[in-house]
Amino acid sequence: MEFKPEITLKDFEKLDIRVATVLEASVVEGSDKLIRLVFDLGNGVKRQILTGMAKWYSPLDCIGKQTLILANLAPRKMMGLFSEGMLLSVGSDNNSKPILILLEDKVENGEEVH
């Protein structure tokens, strides 16, 4: 097993990982890979994130799930839509099914991971 290069605590502190719940999910028109997810980050904040999980998940599988997102990733335009973060999942390559990180207990949306 190979690890990525070592980082400092200051590097880790730059990551803004938050608890969020999927409010909406739909297939991105014209794409066979992308699902458009709208997350509730608490306090009325919503965030759109595109994820390449359509091969393994239907949008309906995602609605209502509480998970972790990287909230401060620079926006990226894909298929004419902006992705405003990253859904965190477990999986080592693009050929195996990514496993969503689901919280066992209900947590307030927007809570920060430390």
N, C-alpha and C. Protein backbone atom coordinates (compact mmCIF):
# COMPACT_ATOMS: atom_id res chain seq x y z
N MET A 1 0.84 -1.17 0.00
CA MET A 1 0.00 0.00 0.00
C MET A 1 0.89 1.24 0.00
N GLU A 2 0.58 2.15 -0.90
CA GLU A 2 1.33 3.40 -0.97
C GLU A 2 0.47 4.53 -0.41
N PHE A 3 1.12 5.42 0.33
CA PHE A 3 0.43 6.58 0.87
C PHE A 3 0.82 7.82 0.08
N LYS A 4 -0.06 8.80 0.09
CA LYS A 4 0.25 10.08 -0.54
C LYS A 4 1.31 10.79 0.30
N PRO A 5 1.93 11.83 -0.27
CA PRO A 5 2.97 12.55 0.49
C PRO A 5 2.43 13.09 1.82
N GLU A 6 3.28 13.08 2.80
CA GLU A 6 2.93 13.58 4.14
C GLU A 6 2.54 15.05 4.07
N ILE A 7 1.53 15.41 4.87
CA ILE A 7 1.13 16.82 4.98
C ILE A 7 1.27 17.25 6.43
N THR A 8 1.20 18.54 6.63
CA THR A 8 1.26 19.08 7.99
C THR A 8 -0.16 19.31 8.50
N LEU A 9 -0.28 19.59 9.77
CA LEU A 9 -1.57 19.92 10.35
C LEU A 9 -2.14 21.17 9.68
N LYS A 10 -1.28 22.11 9.34
CA LYS A 10 -1.74 23.33 8.64
C LYS A 10 -2.35 22.98 7.29
N ASP A 11 -1.79 21.99 6.58
CA ASP A 11 -2.37 21.54 5.31
C ASP A 11 -3.77 20.97 5.55
N PHE A 12 -3.90 20.11 6.55
CA PHE A 12 -5.20 19.49 6.85
C PHE A 12 -6.23 20.55 7.24
N GLU A 13 -5.81 21.54 7.99
CA GLU A 13 -6.73 22.59 8.45
C GLU A 13 -7.30 23.42 7.30
N LYS A 14 -6.69 23.35 6.13
CA LYS A 14 -7.22 24.05 4.95
C LYS A 14 -8.48 23.37 4.40
N LEU A 15 -8.64 22.08 4.70
CA LEU A 15 -9.80 21.34 4.21
C LEU A 15 -11.02 21.67 5.06
N ASP A 16 -12.11 22.04 4.41
CA ASP A 16 -13.36 22.33 5.10
C ASP A 16 -14.33 21.18 4.80
N ILE A 17 -14.28 20.15 5.63
CA ILE A 17 -15.12 18.97 5.45
C ILE A 17 -16.34 19.13 6.34
N ARG A 18 -17.53 19.05 5.74
CA ARG A 18 -18.78 19.33 6.45
C ARG A 18 -19.79 18.21 6.28
N VAL A 19 -20.67 18.10 7.27
CA VAL A 19 -21.82 17.21 7.19
C VAL A 19 -22.87 17.89 6.34
N ALA A 20 -23.48 17.14 5.42
CA ALA A 20 -24.52 17.69 4.55
C ALA A 20 -25.51 16.58 4.18
N THR A 21 -26.74 16.99 3.91
CA THR A 21 -27.79 16.04 3.52
C THR A 21 -28.21 16.32 2.09
N VAL A 22 -28.38 15.27 1.30
CA VAL A 22 -28.79 15.40 -0.10
C VAL A 22 -30.29 15.74 -0.14
N LEU A 23 -30.60 16.90 -0.72
CA LEU A 23 -31.99 17.34 -0.88
C LEU A 23 -32.57 16.94 -2.23
N GLU A 24 -31.75 17.07 -3.27
CA GLU A 24 -32.18 16.79 -4.64
C GLU A 24 -31.09 15.99 -5.34
N ALA A 25 -31.51 15.18 -6.29
CA ALA A 25 -30.55 14.42 -7.10
C ALA A 25 -31.16 14.15 -8.47
N SER A 26 -30.35 14.32 -9.50
CA SER A 26 -30.83 14.06 -10.85
C SER A 26 -29.65 13.71 -11.75
N VAL A 27 -29.94 12.96 -12.80
CA VAL A 27 -28.93 12.64 -13.80
C VAL A 27 -28.61 13.90 -14.58
N VAL A 28 -27.36 14.14 -14.88
CA VAL A 28 -26.97 15.30 -15.69
C VAL A 28 -27.23 14.95 -17.15
N GLU A 29 -28.08 15.73 -17.77
CA GLU A 29 -28.46 15.49 -19.17
C GLU A 29 -27.23 15.51 -20.07
N GLY A 30 -27.11 14.48 -20.91
CA GLY A 30 -25.99 14.38 -21.84
C GLY A 30 -24.79 13.64 -21.28
N SER A 31 -24.87 13.22 -20.01
CA SER A 31 -23.76 12.51 -19.39
C SER A 31 -24.23 11.13 -18.93
N ASP A 32 -23.38 10.13 -19.11
CA ASP A 32 -23.71 8.79 -18.60
C ASP A 32 -23.01 8.52 -17.26
N LYS A 33 -22.26 9.51 -16.76
CA LYS A 33 -21.51 9.34 -15.51
C LYS A 33 -21.99 10.24 -14.38
N LEU A 34 -22.44 11.44 -14.71
CA LEU A 34 -22.66 12.45 -13.67
C LEU A 34 -24.06 12.45 -13.07
N ILE A 35 -24.08 12.63 -11.75
CA ILE A 35 -25.31 12.89 -11.00
C ILE A 35 -25.15 14.28 -10.38
N ARG A 36 -26.19 15.09 -10.49
CA ARG A 36 -26.23 16.42 -9.87
C ARG A 36 -26.90 16.28 -8.51
N LEU A 37 -26.17 16.66 -7.45
CA LEU A 37 -26.70 16.60 -6.10
C LEU A 37 -26.79 18.00 -5.53
N VAL A 38 -27.88 18.29 -4.83
CA VAL A 38 -28.01 19.55 -4.11
C VAL A 38 -28.02 19.19 -2.63
N PHE A 39 -27.08 19.77 -1.89
CA PHE A 39 -26.90 19.47 -0.48
C PHE A 39 -27.41 20.60 0.40
N ASP A 40 -27.93 20.23 1.56
CA ASP A 40 -28.27 21.16 2.63
C ASP A 40 -27.08 21.19 3.58
N LEU A 41 -26.46 22.36 3.70
CA LEU A 41 -25.32 22.54 4.61
C LEU A 41 -25.73 23.23 5.90
N GLY A 42 -27.02 23.37 6.13
CA GLY A 42 -27.51 24.03 7.33
C GLY A 42 -27.58 25.53 7.16
N ASN A 43 -28.33 26.18 8.04
CA ASN A 43 -28.49 27.64 8.03
C ASN A 43 -28.91 28.19 6.67
N GLY A 44 -29.70 27.42 5.93
CA GLY A 44 -30.20 27.87 4.63
C GLY A 44 -29.20 27.79 3.49
N VAL A 45 -28.01 27.25 3.74
CA VAL A 45 -26.98 27.15 2.70
C VAL A 45 -27.18 25.86 1.91
N LYS A 46 -27.25 26.00 0.59
CA LYS A 46 -27.34 24.84 -0.30
C LYS A 46 -26.12 24.85 -1.21
N ARG A 47 -25.69 23.68 -1.62
CA ARG A 47 -24.51 23.55 -2.46
C ARG A 47 -24.76 22.49 -3.51
N GLN A 48 -24.46 22.80 -4.77
CA GLN A 48 -24.59 21.84 -5.88
C GLN A 48 -23.25 21.16 -6.10
N ILE A 49 -23.27 19.83 -6.14
CA ILE A 49 -22.06 19.06 -6.40
C ILE A 49 -22.39 18.02 -7.46
N LEU A 50 -21.51 17.89 -8.44
CA LEU A 50 -21.64 16.86 -9.47
C LEU A 50 -20.71 15.72 -9.11
N THR A 51 -21.21 14.50 -9.22
CA THR A 51 -20.40 13.34 -8.88
C THR A 51 -20.51 12.30 -9.98
N GLY A 52 -19.44 11.62 -10.27
CA GLY A 52 -19.40 10.62 -11.34
C GLY A 52 -19.82 9.24 -10.87
N MET A 53 -20.93 9.14 -10.17
CA MET A 53 -21.36 7.87 -9.59
C MET A 53 -22.57 7.24 -10.29
N ALA A 54 -22.96 7.76 -11.43
CA ALA A 54 -24.18 7.27 -12.09
C ALA A 54 -24.09 5.80 -12.51
N LYS A 55 -22.89 5.31 -12.70
CA LYS A 55 -22.70 3.90 -13.06
C LYS A 55 -23.14 2.98 -11.92
N TRP A 56 -23.05 3.46 -10.69
CA TRP A 56 -23.31 2.62 -9.52
C TRP A 56 -24.55 3.03 -8.73
N TYR A 57 -24.98 4.28 -8.82
CA TYR A 57 -26.09 4.77 -8.02
C TYR A 57 -27.12 5.47 -8.90
N SER A 58 -28.39 5.30 -8.55
CA SER A 58 -29.42 6.12 -9.19
C SER A 58 -29.60 7.35 -8.32
N PRO A 59 -30.06 8.45 -8.90
CA PRO A 59 -30.27 9.65 -8.08
C PRO A 59 -31.17 9.38 -6.87
N LEU A 60 -32.17 8.54 -7.03
CA LEU A 60 -33.07 8.24 -5.92
C LEU A 60 -32.36 7.58 -4.75
N ASP A 61 -31.26 6.86 -5.02
CA ASP A 61 -30.47 6.24 -3.94
C ASP A 61 -29.86 7.29 -3.02
N CYS A 62 -29.68 8.49 -3.51
CA CYS A 62 -28.91 9.51 -2.79
C CYS A 62 -29.78 10.44 -1.94
N ILE A 63 -31.01 10.67 -2.32
CA ILE A 63 -31.86 11.65 -1.65
C ILE A 63 -32.07 11.26 -0.18
N GLY A 64 -31.86 12.24 0.68
CA GLY A 64 -32.04 12.05 2.11
C GLY A 64 -30.83 11.52 2.84
N LYS A 65 -29.79 11.15 2.12
CA LYS A 65 -28.58 10.62 2.76
C LYS A 65 -27.78 11.76 3.40
N GLN A 66 -27.29 11.51 4.61
CA GLN A 66 -26.43 12.48 5.27
C GLN A 66 -25.01 11.96 5.17
N THR A 67 -24.12 12.80 4.64
CA THR A 67 -22.77 12.37 4.31
C THR A 67 -21.78 13.50 4.54
N LEU A 68 -20.58 13.34 4.03
CA LEU A 68 -19.52 14.34 4.18
C LEU A 68 -19.15 14.91 2.82
N ILE A 69 -18.95 16.23 2.79
CA ILE A 69 -18.49 16.88 1.56
C ILE A 69 -17.29 17.77 1.87
N LEU A 70 -16.46 17.95 0.86
CA LEU A 70 -15.39 18.94 0.92
C LEU A 70 -16.00 20.23 0.42
N ALA A 71 -16.24 21.17 1.34
CA ALA A 71 -17.02 22.35 1.02
C ALA A 71 -16.22 23.49 0.42
N ASN A 72 -14.90 23.46 0.54
CA ASN A 72 -14.12 24.60 0.03
C ASN A 72 -13.26 24.27 -1.19
N LEU A 73 -13.67 23.24 -1.94
CA LEU A 73 -12.99 22.95 -3.20
C LEU A 73 -13.42 24.01 -4.22
N ALA A 74 -12.50 24.53 -4.98
CA ALA A 74 -12.82 25.55 -5.97
C ALA A 74 -13.88 25.01 -6.94
N PRO A 75 -14.89 25.84 -7.30
CA PRO A 75 -15.92 25.39 -8.24
C PRO A 75 -15.31 24.96 -9.57
N ARG A 76 -15.94 23.97 -10.17
CA ARG A 76 -15.47 23.43 -11.46
C ARG A 76 -16.68 23.25 -12.36
N LYS A 77 -16.57 23.71 -13.60
CA LYS A 77 -17.66 23.58 -14.55
C LYS A 77 -17.56 22.25 -15.28
N MET A 78 -18.67 21.50 -15.28
CA MET A 78 -18.75 20.23 -15.98
C MET A 78 -20.11 20.15 -16.67
N MET A 79 -20.13 19.81 -17.93
CA MET A 79 -21.37 19.65 -18.68
C MET A 79 -22.28 20.88 -18.52
N GLY A 80 -21.65 22.05 -18.46
CA GLY A 80 -22.41 23.29 -18.37
C GLY A 80 -22.91 23.65 -16.98
N LEU A 81 -22.59 22.83 -15.97
CA LEU A 81 -23.02 23.08 -14.60
C LEU A 81 -21.80 23.23 -13.70
N PHE A 82 -21.95 24.00 -12.63
CA PHE A 82 -20.85 24.16 -11.69
C PHE A 82 -20.99 23.16 -10.55
N SER A 83 -19.88 22.49 -10.24
CA SER A 83 -19.78 21.64 -9.07
C SER A 83 -19.06 22.46 -8.01
N GLU A 84 -19.72 22.59 -6.86
CA GLU A 84 -19.23 23.50 -5.81
C GLU A 84 -18.73 22.74 -4.58
N GLY A 85 -17.93 21.74 -4.80
CA GLY A 85 -17.40 20.94 -3.71
C GLY A 85 -17.15 19.53 -4.19
N MET A 86 -16.95 18.62 -3.24
CA MET A 86 -16.72 17.22 -3.57
C MET A 86 -17.41 16.33 -2.54
N LEU A 87 -18.15 15.36 -3.04
CA LEU A 87 -18.73 14.34 -2.19
C LEU A 87 -17.62 13.36 -1.81
N LEU A 88 -17.46 13.09 -0.53
CA LEU A 88 -16.43 12.16 -0.10
C LEU A 88 -16.98 10.74 -0.11
N SER A 89 -16.18 9.81 -0.59
CA SER A 89 -16.57 8.41 -0.64
C SER A 89 -15.32 7.56 -0.48
N VAL A 90 -15.56 6.26 -0.32
CA VAL A 90 -14.46 5.32 -0.18
C VAL A 90 -14.37 4.51 -1.47
N GLY A 91 -13.20 4.39 -2.02
CA GLY A 91 -12.97 3.65 -3.25
C GLY A 91 -11.66 4.10 -3.84
N SER A 92 -10.90 3.16 -4.32
CA SER A 92 -9.53 3.49 -4.70
C SER A 92 -9.32 3.78 -6.18
N ASP A 93 -10.30 3.43 -7.02
CA ASP A 93 -10.10 3.69 -8.44
C ASP A 93 -11.44 3.93 -9.12
N ASN A 94 -11.39 4.28 -10.39
CA ASN A 94 -12.61 4.59 -11.13
C ASN A 94 -13.37 3.36 -11.61
N ASN A 95 -12.84 2.17 -11.37
CA ASN A 95 -13.47 0.95 -11.85
C ASN A 95 -14.28 0.22 -10.78
N SER A 96 -14.08 0.59 -9.51
CA SER A 96 -14.83 -0.09 -8.45
C SER A 96 -15.89 0.86 -7.90
N LYS A 97 -16.96 0.27 -7.38
CA LYS A 97 -18.07 1.06 -6.86
C LYS A 97 -17.60 1.91 -5.68
N PRO A 98 -17.80 3.23 -5.75
CA PRO A 98 -17.48 4.07 -4.61
C PRO A 98 -18.53 3.85 -3.52
N ILE A 99 -18.10 3.82 -2.28
CA ILE A 99 -19.00 3.62 -1.15
C ILE A 99 -19.22 4.97 -0.47
N LEU A 100 -20.47 5.37 -0.38
CA LEU A 100 -20.80 6.63 0.27
C LEU A 100 -20.49 6.54 1.76
N ILE A 101 -20.00 7.63 2.32
CA ILE A 101 -19.75 7.71 3.75
C ILE A 101 -21.04 8.23 4.38
N LEU A 102 -21.75 7.34 5.05
CA LEU A 102 -23.02 7.70 5.67
C LEU A 102 -22.85 7.74 7.18
N LEU A 103 -23.46 8.74 7.81
CA LEU A 103 -23.33 8.89 9.24
C LEU A 103 -24.30 7.97 9.97
N GLU A 104 -23.82 7.33 11.01
CA GLU A 104 -24.64 6.39 11.78
C GLU A 104 -25.70 7.13 12.59
N ASP A 105 -25.33 8.26 13.18
CA ASP A 105 -26.25 9.07 13.96
C ASP A 105 -26.52 10.38 13.23
N LYS A 106 -27.70 10.95 13.45
CA LYS A 106 -28.06 12.23 12.84
C LYS A 106 -27.20 13.33 13.46
N VAL A 107 -26.64 14.16 12.58
CA VAL A 107 -25.79 15.28 12.99
C VAL A 107 -26.35 16.53 12.32
N GLU A 108 -26.16 17.67 12.94
CA GLU A 108 -26.60 18.93 12.33
C GLU A 108 -25.85 19.16 11.04
N ASN A 109 -26.58 19.50 9.98
CA ASN A 109 -25.93 19.85 8.71
C ASN A 109 -25.02 21.06 8.95
N GLY A 110 -23.86 21.01 8.32
CA GLY A 110 -22.89 22.08 8.45
C GLY A 110 -21.83 21.83 9.50
N GLU A 111 -22.04 20.79 10.35
CA GLU A 111 -21.02 20.48 11.35
C GLU A 111 -19.70 20.18 10.64
N GLU A 112 -18.62 20.66 11.22
CA GLU A 112 -17.30 20.52 10.62
C GLU A 112 -16.59 19.27 11.14
N VAL A 113 -15.87 18.60 10.25
CA VAL A 113 -15.07 17.44 10.62
C VAL A 113 -13.71 17.95 11.11
N HIS A 114 -13.28 17.41 12.22
CA HIS A 114 -11.98 17.82 12.81
C HIS A 114 -11.02 16.67 12.79
